Amino acid sequence: MSSAAPGGTTTEQGRSEYGVALFLAALGVLVIVQALLIPESRIARGPVGPATVPLVVGGLLVVVAGFLALDVSRGGRGEPEGGEDVELTGSSDWRTVLLLAVAFIANALLIESMGWWFSGAVLFWGSAFALGSRHYVRDALIAFALSFGSFYLFALGLGVVLPPGILDGIL
């Protein structure tokens, strides 16, 4: 019994895994080079500057690429993805896609005039409705709680003020 993926040989699978290792190494080198090009900040104090995290991430990408190439050279092979339990003969659910698009567009159109509290609630409630929930009152309460919570999470936690809309001056 072969460990190759269906429709491919073991050699082809090994080459593709080397390709993934090469891609990771190239991405790591790119991240390192870009991190080294970040200008020094005059306000940065201490050993941790703006390039520290990108340098660490780039270095880790190169290390992972090396370990992957070493594993493939020793005969290691990735398992083919089993896939999801999806009926391939079924048709797309365009109604759900359309309802989600309407909820998103309504949010985009209402966010400036009505504010995030209301437009976010429309987005959350419309998404729940599109995905099959028919508990209208409960979903509306949850939608307003989510929009309220995310409004203050952005404002207090991140310092980003979402549009207050008609509640300007109250919030």
N, C-alpha and C. Protein backbone atom coordinates (compact mmCIF):
# COMPACT_ATOMS: atom_id res chain seq x y z
N MET A 1 0.85 -1.18 0.00
CA MET A 1 0.00 0.00 0.00
C MET A 1 0.88 1.23 0.00
N SER A 2 0.58 2.19 -0.84
CA SER A 2 1.40 3.38 -1.01
C SER A 2 0.92 4.49 -0.09
N SER A 3 1.87 5.34 0.33
CA SER A 3 1.49 6.48 1.17
C SER A 3 1.24 7.73 0.34
N ALA A 4 1.25 7.57 -0.97
CA ALA A 4 1.04 8.72 -1.85
C ALA A 4 -0.42 9.14 -1.84
N ALA A 5 -0.61 10.38 -2.14
CA ALA A 5 -1.97 10.90 -2.23
C ALA A 5 -2.66 10.32 -3.44
N PRO A 6 -3.98 10.16 -3.39
CA PRO A 6 -4.68 9.65 -4.55
C PRO A 6 -4.45 10.54 -5.77
N GLY A 7 -4.10 9.89 -6.88
CA GLY A 7 -3.89 10.64 -8.10
C GLY A 7 -2.47 11.14 -8.26
N GLY A 8 -1.60 10.89 -7.31
CA GLY A 8 -0.22 11.35 -7.40
C GLY A 8 0.74 10.29 -6.91
N THR A 9 1.98 10.39 -7.33
CA THR A 9 2.98 9.42 -6.89
C THR A 9 3.69 9.97 -5.67
N THR A 10 4.47 9.10 -5.01
CA THR A 10 5.21 9.52 -3.83
C THR A 10 6.23 10.59 -4.19
N THR A 11 6.84 10.47 -5.37
CA THR A 11 7.83 11.45 -5.81
C THR A 11 7.19 12.82 -6.00
N GLU A 12 6.02 12.86 -6.62
CA GLU A 12 5.34 14.13 -6.82
C GLU A 12 4.98 14.77 -5.49
N GLN A 13 4.54 13.96 -4.53
CA GLN A 13 4.16 14.49 -3.24
C GLN A 13 5.39 15.06 -2.53
N GLY A 14 6.53 14.39 -2.61
CA GLY A 14 7.75 14.88 -1.98
C GLY A 14 8.20 16.20 -2.57
N ARG A 15 8.07 16.33 -3.89
CA ARG A 15 8.46 17.59 -4.53
C ARG A 15 7.55 18.73 -4.08
N SER A 16 6.27 18.44 -3.94
CA SER A 16 5.37 19.51 -3.50
C SER A 16 5.66 19.92 -2.06
N GLU A 17 6.07 18.98 -1.24
CA GLU A 17 6.40 19.32 0.15
C GLU A 17 7.70 20.11 0.22
N TYR A 18 8.64 19.81 -0.67
CA TYR A 18 9.84 20.66 -0.76
C TYR A 18 9.45 22.06 -1.22
N GLY A 19 8.46 22.14 -2.09
CA GLY A 19 7.97 23.46 -2.53
C GLY A 19 7.41 24.27 -1.38
N VAL A 20 6.68 23.59 -0.47
CA VAL A 20 6.15 24.29 0.71
C VAL A 20 7.30 24.77 1.59
N ALA A 21 8.31 23.93 1.77
CA ALA A 21 9.47 24.32 2.57
C ALA A 21 10.19 25.50 1.93
N LEU A 22 10.33 25.48 0.61
CA LEU A 22 10.98 26.59 -0.09
C LEU A 22 10.17 27.87 0.05
N PHE A 23 8.85 27.75 -0.07
CA PHE A 23 7.98 28.93 0.09
C PHE A 23 8.12 29.52 1.50
N LEU A 24 8.11 28.66 2.53
CA LEU A 24 8.25 29.15 3.90
C LEU A 24 9.60 29.83 4.11
N ALA A 25 10.66 29.24 3.54
CA ALA A 25 11.99 29.83 3.68
C ALA A 25 12.04 31.19 2.99
N ALA A 26 11.48 31.27 1.78
CA ALA A 26 11.49 32.54 1.04
C ALA A 26 10.68 33.59 1.79
N LEU A 27 9.53 33.20 2.33
CA LEU A 27 8.71 34.13 3.10
C LEU A 27 9.47 34.61 4.34
N GLY A 28 10.15 33.69 5.02
CA GLY A 28 10.94 34.07 6.20
C GLY A 28 12.05 35.04 5.86
N VAL A 29 12.76 34.79 4.76
CA VAL A 29 13.83 35.70 4.34
C VAL A 29 13.25 37.06 3.98
N LEU A 30 12.11 37.08 3.28
CA LEU A 30 11.47 38.34 2.93
C LEU A 30 11.10 39.13 4.19
N VAL A 31 10.54 38.46 5.18
CA VAL A 31 10.15 39.14 6.42
C VAL A 31 11.39 39.69 7.13
N ILE A 32 12.48 38.92 7.15
CA ILE A 32 13.71 39.38 7.80
C ILE A 32 14.27 40.60 7.08
N VAL A 33 14.32 40.54 5.75
CA VAL A 33 14.86 41.67 4.99
C VAL A 33 14.00 42.92 5.21
N GLN A 34 12.70 42.78 5.17
CA GLN A 34 11.83 43.93 5.38
C GLN A 34 11.97 44.48 6.81
N ALA A 35 12.17 43.58 7.79
CA ALA A 35 12.34 44.03 9.17
C ALA A 35 13.65 44.81 9.32
N LEU A 36 14.68 44.40 8.60
CA LEU A 36 15.95 45.12 8.69
C LEU A 36 15.88 46.48 8.01
N LEU A 37 14.92 46.67 7.12
CA LEU A 37 14.76 47.95 6.43
C LEU A 37 13.90 48.95 7.20
N ILE A 38 13.33 48.51 8.33
CA ILE A 38 12.51 49.42 9.15
C ILE A 38 13.44 50.46 9.76
N PRO A 39 13.13 51.75 9.59
CA PRO A 39 14.02 52.78 10.15
C PRO A 39 13.99 52.76 11.68
N GLU A 40 15.11 53.10 12.25
CA GLU A 40 15.22 53.15 13.71
C GLU A 40 14.36 54.29 14.24
N SER A 41 13.68 54.03 15.31
CA SER A 41 12.83 55.05 15.92
C SER A 41 13.64 55.82 16.95
N ARG A 42 13.46 57.13 16.97
CA ARG A 42 14.18 57.94 17.95
C ARG A 42 13.57 57.81 19.34
N ILE A 43 12.33 57.37 19.40
CA ILE A 43 11.70 57.27 20.71
C ILE A 43 11.81 55.87 21.30
N ALA A 44 12.34 54.90 20.53
CA ALA A 44 12.48 53.54 21.03
C ALA A 44 13.61 53.50 22.04
N ARG A 45 13.33 52.91 23.15
CA ARG A 45 14.35 52.79 24.19
C ARG A 45 14.47 51.31 24.56
N GLY A 46 15.68 50.88 24.76
CA GLY A 46 15.91 49.50 25.15
C GLY A 46 16.13 48.61 23.94
N PRO A 47 16.27 47.32 24.17
CA PRO A 47 16.62 46.39 23.10
C PRO A 47 15.46 46.04 22.17
N VAL A 48 14.24 46.29 22.59
CA VAL A 48 13.08 45.91 21.79
C VAL A 48 12.62 47.11 20.97
N GLY A 49 12.82 46.99 19.66
CA GLY A 49 12.40 48.06 18.76
C GLY A 49 11.30 47.55 17.85
N PRO A 50 10.96 48.33 16.84
CA PRO A 50 9.87 47.93 15.95
C PRO A 50 10.20 46.73 15.07
N ALA A 51 11.48 46.38 14.91
CA ALA A 51 11.86 45.26 14.05
C ALA A 51 11.98 43.94 14.81
N THR A 52 11.85 43.96 16.10
CA THR A 52 12.09 42.75 16.88
C THR A 52 11.12 41.62 16.54
N VAL A 53 9.84 41.90 16.57
CA VAL A 53 8.85 40.85 16.30
C VAL A 53 8.96 40.32 14.87
N PRO A 54 9.06 41.18 13.85
CA PRO A 54 9.23 40.64 12.50
C PRO A 54 10.50 39.79 12.34
N LEU A 55 11.58 40.18 13.01
CA LEU A 55 12.81 39.38 12.93
C LEU A 55 12.61 38.00 13.55
N VAL A 56 11.93 37.96 14.67
CA VAL A 56 11.67 36.67 15.33
C VAL A 56 10.76 35.80 14.45
N VAL A 57 9.70 36.38 13.90
CA VAL A 57 8.77 35.63 13.05
C VAL A 57 9.48 35.14 11.80
N GLY A 58 10.26 35.99 11.16
CA GLY A 58 11.00 35.59 9.97
C GLY A 58 11.99 34.48 10.27
N GLY A 59 12.69 34.62 11.38
CA GLY A 59 13.63 33.57 11.78
C GLY A 59 12.94 32.24 12.04
N LEU A 60 11.79 32.29 12.70
CA LEU A 60 11.04 31.06 12.97
C LEU A 60 10.52 30.43 11.67
N LEU A 61 10.13 31.26 10.71
CA LEU A 61 9.70 30.71 9.41
C LEU A 61 10.84 29.97 8.73
N VAL A 62 12.04 30.53 8.77
CA VAL A 62 13.19 29.87 8.16
C VAL A 62 13.52 28.57 8.89
N VAL A 63 13.44 28.58 10.21
CA VAL A 63 13.72 27.37 11.00
C VAL A 63 12.68 26.28 10.69
N VAL A 64 11.41 26.64 10.65
CA VAL A 64 10.36 25.67 10.33
C VAL A 64 10.55 25.11 8.93
N ALA A 65 10.93 25.97 7.98
CA ALA A 65 11.19 25.50 6.61
C ALA A 65 12.33 24.49 6.60
N GLY A 66 13.37 24.75 7.37
CA GLY A 66 14.49 23.82 7.45
C GLY A 66 14.07 22.48 8.04
N PHE A 67 13.30 22.50 9.12
CA PHE A 67 12.83 21.25 9.71
C PHE A 67 11.91 20.48 8.77
N LEU A 68 11.05 21.20 8.03
CA LEU A 68 10.17 20.54 7.07
C LEU A 68 10.98 19.88 5.97
N ALA A 69 11.98 20.57 5.42
CA ALA A 69 12.83 19.99 4.37
C ALA A 69 13.58 18.78 4.90
N LEU A 70 14.06 18.87 6.12
CA LEU A 70 14.76 17.73 6.73
C LEU A 70 13.82 16.54 6.90
N ASP A 71 12.61 16.78 7.35
CA ASP A 71 11.63 15.71 7.52
C ASP A 71 11.29 15.05 6.19
N VAL A 72 11.10 15.86 5.15
CA VAL A 72 10.78 15.31 3.83
C VAL A 72 11.94 14.50 3.30
N SER A 73 13.17 14.98 3.52
CA SER A 73 14.34 14.23 3.03
C SER A 73 14.50 12.90 3.75
N ARG A 74 13.98 12.78 4.95
CA ARG A 74 14.05 11.51 5.70
C ARG A 74 12.85 10.61 5.43
N GLY A 75 12.00 11.02 4.50
CA GLY A 75 10.88 10.17 4.13
C GLY A 75 9.55 10.55 4.74
N GLY A 76 9.51 11.62 5.49
CA GLY A 76 8.26 12.05 6.09
C GLY A 76 7.31 12.59 5.03
N ARG A 77 6.06 12.26 5.17
CA ARG A 77 5.05 12.72 4.22
C ARG A 77 3.85 13.23 4.98
N GLY A 78 3.26 14.29 4.46
CA GLY A 78 2.04 14.81 5.05
C GLY A 78 0.86 13.94 4.64
N GLU A 79 -0.12 13.87 5.52
CA GLU A 79 -1.31 13.08 5.20
C GLU A 79 -2.24 13.91 4.33
N PRO A 80 -2.81 13.29 3.29
CA PRO A 80 -3.77 14.03 2.47
C PRO A 80 -4.98 14.42 3.31
N GLU A 81 -5.52 15.59 3.02
CA GLU A 81 -6.67 16.07 3.76
C GLU A 81 -7.86 15.18 3.47
N GLY A 82 -8.57 14.80 4.52
CA GLY A 82 -9.73 13.93 4.37
C GLY A 82 -10.94 14.64 3.80
N GLY A 83 -10.98 15.94 3.91
CA GLY A 83 -12.13 16.68 3.42
C GLY A 83 -13.22 16.76 4.46
N GLU A 84 -14.23 17.49 4.13
CA GLU A 84 -15.35 17.64 5.03
C GLU A 84 -16.50 16.77 4.57
N ASP A 85 -17.45 16.62 5.44
CA ASP A 85 -18.63 15.82 5.12
C ASP A 85 -19.60 16.69 4.35
N VAL A 86 -19.30 16.87 3.07
CA VAL A 86 -20.10 17.75 2.22
C VAL A 86 -20.65 16.94 1.06
N GLU A 87 -21.91 17.16 0.78
CA GLU A 87 -22.51 16.49 -0.38
C GLU A 87 -22.15 17.28 -1.63
N LEU A 88 -21.31 16.70 -2.47
CA LEU A 88 -20.80 17.41 -3.63
C LEU A 88 -21.86 17.59 -4.72
N THR A 89 -22.91 16.79 -4.68
CA THR A 89 -23.94 16.90 -5.71
C THR A 89 -24.99 17.94 -5.35
N GLY A 90 -24.95 18.45 -4.13
CA GLY A 90 -25.93 19.45 -3.69
C GLY A 90 -25.68 20.79 -4.33
N SER A 91 -26.71 21.60 -4.38
CA SER A 91 -26.58 22.94 -4.97
C SER A 91 -26.20 23.95 -3.89
N SER A 92 -25.75 25.12 -4.33
CA SER A 92 -25.39 26.19 -3.41
C SER A 92 -26.64 26.81 -2.81
N ASP A 93 -26.50 27.29 -1.58
CA ASP A 93 -27.62 27.93 -0.90
C ASP A 93 -27.51 29.44 -1.12
N TRP A 94 -27.98 29.89 -2.29
CA TRP A 94 -27.86 31.29 -2.67
C TRP A 94 -28.73 32.19 -1.81
N ARG A 95 -29.81 31.68 -1.25
CA ARG A 95 -30.67 32.48 -0.40
C ARG A 95 -29.90 32.96 0.83
N THR A 96 -29.15 32.05 1.46
CA THR A 96 -28.36 32.40 2.63
C THR A 96 -27.28 33.41 2.27
N VAL A 97 -26.61 33.19 1.15
CA VAL A 97 -25.57 34.11 0.71
C VAL A 97 -26.16 35.50 0.47
N LEU A 98 -27.31 35.55 -0.18
CA LEU A 98 -27.96 36.83 -0.47
C LEU A 98 -28.38 37.54 0.82
N LEU A 99 -28.95 36.79 1.77
CA LEU A 99 -29.37 37.40 3.04
C LEU A 99 -28.17 37.93 3.83
N LEU A 100 -27.06 37.19 3.82
CA LEU A 100 -25.85 37.67 4.49
C LEU A 100 -25.32 38.94 3.81
N ALA A 101 -25.37 38.96 2.49
CA ALA A 101 -24.93 40.15 1.76
C ALA A 101 -25.82 41.34 2.08
N VAL A 102 -27.12 41.14 2.19
CA VAL A 102 -28.05 42.22 2.53
C VAL A 102 -27.74 42.75 3.93
N ALA A 103 -27.48 41.86 4.89
CA ALA A 103 -27.14 42.29 6.26
C ALA A 103 -25.86 43.11 6.26
N PHE A 104 -24.86 42.68 5.50
CA PHE A 104 -23.60 43.39 5.44
C PHE A 104 -23.77 44.76 4.77
N ILE A 105 -24.50 44.81 3.68
CA ILE A 105 -24.73 46.08 2.97
C ILE A 105 -25.55 47.03 3.83
N ALA A 106 -26.55 46.51 4.54
CA ALA A 106 -27.34 47.36 5.45
C ALA A 106 -26.44 47.95 6.53
N ASN A 107 -25.52 47.16 7.05
CA ASN A 107 -24.58 47.66 8.05
C ASN A 107 -23.74 48.79 7.45
N ALA A 108 -23.23 48.59 6.25
CA ALA A 108 -22.39 49.60 5.61
C ALA A 108 -23.16 50.89 5.35
N LEU A 109 -24.42 50.77 4.98
CA LEU A 109 -25.22 51.96 4.67
C LEU A 109 -25.70 52.69 5.94
N LEU A 110 -25.90 51.98 7.02
CA LEU A 110 -26.45 52.57 8.24
C LEU A 110 -25.42 53.03 9.25
N ILE A 111 -24.16 52.62 9.10
CA ILE A 111 -23.18 52.85 10.17
C ILE A 111 -22.93 54.33 10.43
N GLU A 112 -22.88 55.16 9.41
CA GLU A 112 -22.62 56.59 9.63
C GLU A 112 -23.84 57.31 10.19
N SER A 113 -25.01 57.03 9.64
CA SER A 113 -26.20 57.77 10.07
C SER A 113 -26.77 57.25 11.39
N MET A 114 -26.87 55.95 11.54
CA MET A 114 -27.47 55.37 12.74
C MET A 114 -26.44 55.07 13.82
N GLY A 115 -25.21 54.84 13.44
CA GLY A 115 -24.16 54.51 14.41
C GLY A 115 -23.96 53.01 14.51
N TRP A 116 -22.84 52.64 15.13
CA TRP A 116 -22.49 51.23 15.23
C TRP A 116 -23.49 50.44 16.06
N TRP A 117 -24.04 51.04 17.11
CA TRP A 117 -24.96 50.30 17.96
C TRP A 117 -26.09 49.70 17.14
N PHE A 118 -26.68 50.50 16.28
CA PHE A 118 -27.83 50.02 15.50
C PHE A 118 -27.40 49.25 14.27
N SER A 119 -26.41 49.75 13.54
CA SER A 119 -25.98 49.05 12.33
C SER A 119 -25.33 47.71 12.68
N GLY A 120 -24.59 47.68 13.77
CA GLY A 120 -23.99 46.41 14.21
C GLY A 120 -25.07 45.42 14.63
N ALA A 121 -26.09 45.91 15.31
CA ALA A 121 -27.20 45.03 15.70
C ALA A 121 -27.91 44.48 14.47
N VAL A 122 -28.09 45.33 13.45
CA VAL A 122 -28.71 44.85 12.20
C VAL A 122 -27.83 43.78 11.57
N LEU A 123 -26.51 44.00 11.57
CA LEU A 123 -25.58 43.02 11.00
C LEU A 123 -25.66 41.69 11.76
N PHE A 124 -25.60 41.74 13.09
CA PHE A 124 -25.62 40.51 13.88
C PHE A 124 -26.97 39.80 13.79
N TRP A 125 -28.06 40.56 13.88
CA TRP A 125 -29.38 39.96 13.80
C TRP A 125 -29.62 39.38 12.41
N GLY A 126 -29.25 40.13 11.38
CA GLY A 126 -29.43 39.66 10.00
C GLY A 126 -28.61 38.41 9.70
N SER A 127 -27.42 38.34 10.26
CA SER A 127 -26.58 37.15 10.07
C SER A 127 -27.22 35.93 10.74
N ALA A 128 -27.72 36.12 11.95
CA ALA A 128 -28.37 35.01 12.64
C ALA A 128 -29.61 34.55 11.88
N PHE A 129 -30.39 35.50 11.37
CA PHE A 129 -31.57 35.16 10.59
C PHE A 129 -31.19 34.43 9.31
N ALA A 130 -30.18 34.90 8.61
CA ALA A 130 -29.74 34.28 7.36
C ALA A 130 -29.25 32.86 7.59
N LEU A 131 -28.66 32.62 8.74
CA LEU A 131 -28.12 31.29 9.03
C LEU A 131 -29.14 30.36 9.69
N GLY A 132 -30.39 30.82 9.79
CA GLY A 132 -31.45 29.90 10.17
C GLY A 132 -32.10 30.10 11.51
N SER A 133 -31.64 31.04 12.32
CA SER A 133 -32.26 31.24 13.63
C SER A 133 -33.61 31.94 13.46
N ARG A 134 -34.61 31.48 14.18
CA ARG A 134 -35.94 32.10 14.11
C ARG A 134 -36.43 32.53 15.48
N HIS A 135 -35.49 32.85 16.37
CA HIS A 135 -35.81 33.39 17.69
C HIS A 135 -35.58 34.89 17.61
N TYR A 136 -36.55 35.60 17.07
CA TYR A 136 -36.37 37.00 16.70
C TYR A 136 -36.04 37.90 17.88
N VAL A 137 -36.78 37.79 18.97
CA VAL A 137 -36.56 38.68 20.12
C VAL A 137 -35.23 38.35 20.79
N ARG A 138 -34.98 37.08 21.03
CA ARG A 138 -33.71 36.68 21.66
C ARG A 138 -32.53 37.13 20.81
N ASP A 139 -32.63 36.91 19.50
CA ASP A 139 -31.54 37.30 18.60
C ASP A 139 -31.34 38.81 18.59
N ALA A 140 -32.41 39.58 18.68
CA ALA A 140 -32.29 41.03 18.72
C ALA A 140 -31.59 41.47 20.01
N LEU A 141 -31.94 40.86 21.11
CA LEU A 141 -31.28 41.20 22.38
C LEU A 141 -29.79 40.85 22.33
N ILE A 142 -29.49 39.68 21.80
CA ILE A 142 -28.08 39.28 21.67
C ILE A 142 -27.35 40.21 20.71
N ALA A 143 -28.01 40.59 19.61
CA ALA A 143 -27.39 41.48 18.63
C ALA A 143 -27.05 42.83 19.25
N PHE A 144 -27.97 43.40 20.03
CA PHE A 144 -27.68 44.68 20.68
C PHE A 144 -26.60 44.52 21.74
N ALA A 145 -26.59 43.40 22.45
CA ALA A 145 -25.53 43.16 23.44
C ALA A 145 -24.17 43.06 22.75
N LEU A 146 -24.11 42.38 21.60
CA LEU A 146 -22.85 42.27 20.86
C LEU A 146 -22.40 43.62 20.33
N SER A 147 -23.33 44.41 19.78
CA SER A 147 -22.93 45.71 19.25
C SER A 147 -22.52 46.65 20.39
N PHE A 148 -23.22 46.60 21.52
CA PHE A 148 -22.85 47.39 22.69
C PHE A 148 -21.46 46.99 23.19
N GLY A 149 -21.27 45.69 23.35
CA GLY A 149 -19.98 45.19 23.85
C GLY A 149 -18.83 45.50 22.91
N SER A 150 -19.04 45.30 21.62
CA SER A 150 -17.95 45.58 20.68
C SER A 150 -17.68 47.08 20.57
N PHE A 151 -18.71 47.92 20.72
CA PHE A 151 -18.51 49.37 20.70
C PHE A 151 -17.56 49.78 21.82
N TYR A 152 -17.82 49.30 23.03
CA TYR A 152 -16.99 49.68 24.16
C TYR A 152 -15.66 48.92 24.18
N LEU A 153 -15.61 47.74 23.63
CA LEU A 153 -14.34 47.02 23.51
C LEU A 153 -13.39 47.80 22.60
N PHE A 154 -13.91 48.27 21.47
CA PHE A 154 -13.09 49.07 20.57
C PHE A 154 -12.71 50.40 21.22
N ALA A 155 -13.67 51.06 21.86
CA ALA A 155 -13.43 52.39 22.42
C ALA A 155 -12.47 52.33 23.61
N LEU A 156 -12.73 51.45 24.55
CA LEU A 156 -11.91 51.41 25.77
C LEU A 156 -10.68 50.53 25.62
N GLY A 157 -10.82 49.41 24.92
CA GLY A 157 -9.70 48.48 24.81
C GLY A 157 -8.69 48.86 23.75
N LEU A 158 -9.17 49.37 22.61
CA LEU A 158 -8.28 49.67 21.50
C LEU A 158 -8.11 51.16 21.23
N GLY A 159 -8.96 51.97 21.83
CA GLY A 159 -8.88 53.41 21.59
C GLY A 159 -9.43 53.81 20.23
N VAL A 160 -10.24 52.95 19.61
CA VAL A 160 -10.85 53.25 18.32
C VAL A 160 -12.32 53.54 18.56
N VAL A 161 -12.75 54.73 18.20
CA VAL A 161 -14.13 55.11 18.42
C VAL A 161 -14.94 54.78 17.16
N LEU A 162 -15.89 53.88 17.30
CA LEU A 162 -16.79 53.56 16.20
C LEU A 162 -17.84 54.65 16.10
N PRO A 163 -18.44 54.84 14.94
CA PRO A 163 -19.41 55.93 14.77
C PRO A 163 -20.59 55.80 15.73
N PRO A 164 -20.86 56.86 16.53
CA PRO A 164 -21.99 56.78 17.45
C PRO A 164 -23.33 57.08 16.79
N GLY A 165 -23.32 57.74 15.63
CA GLY A 165 -24.57 58.02 14.91
C GLY A 165 -25.53 58.87 15.70
N ILE A 166 -26.77 58.41 15.79
CA ILE A 166 -27.81 59.20 16.46
C ILE A 166 -27.61 59.26 17.98
N LEU A 167 -26.72 58.44 18.51
CA LEU A 167 -26.44 58.46 19.94
C LEU A 167 -25.22 59.33 20.26
N ASP A 168 -24.82 60.19 19.33
CA ASP A 168 -23.67 61.06 19.54
C ASP A 168 -23.98 62.01 20.70
N GLY A 169 -23.07 62.07 21.65
CA GLY A 169 -23.27 62.90 22.83
C GLY A 169 -23.83 62.11 24.00
N ILE A 170 -24.50 60.99 23.72
CA ILE A 170 -25.07 60.16 24.78
C ILE A 170 -24.05 59.11 25.23
N LEU A 171 -23.30 58.59 24.25
CA LEU A 171 -22.33 57.55 24.55
C LEU A 171 -21.12 58.19 25.13
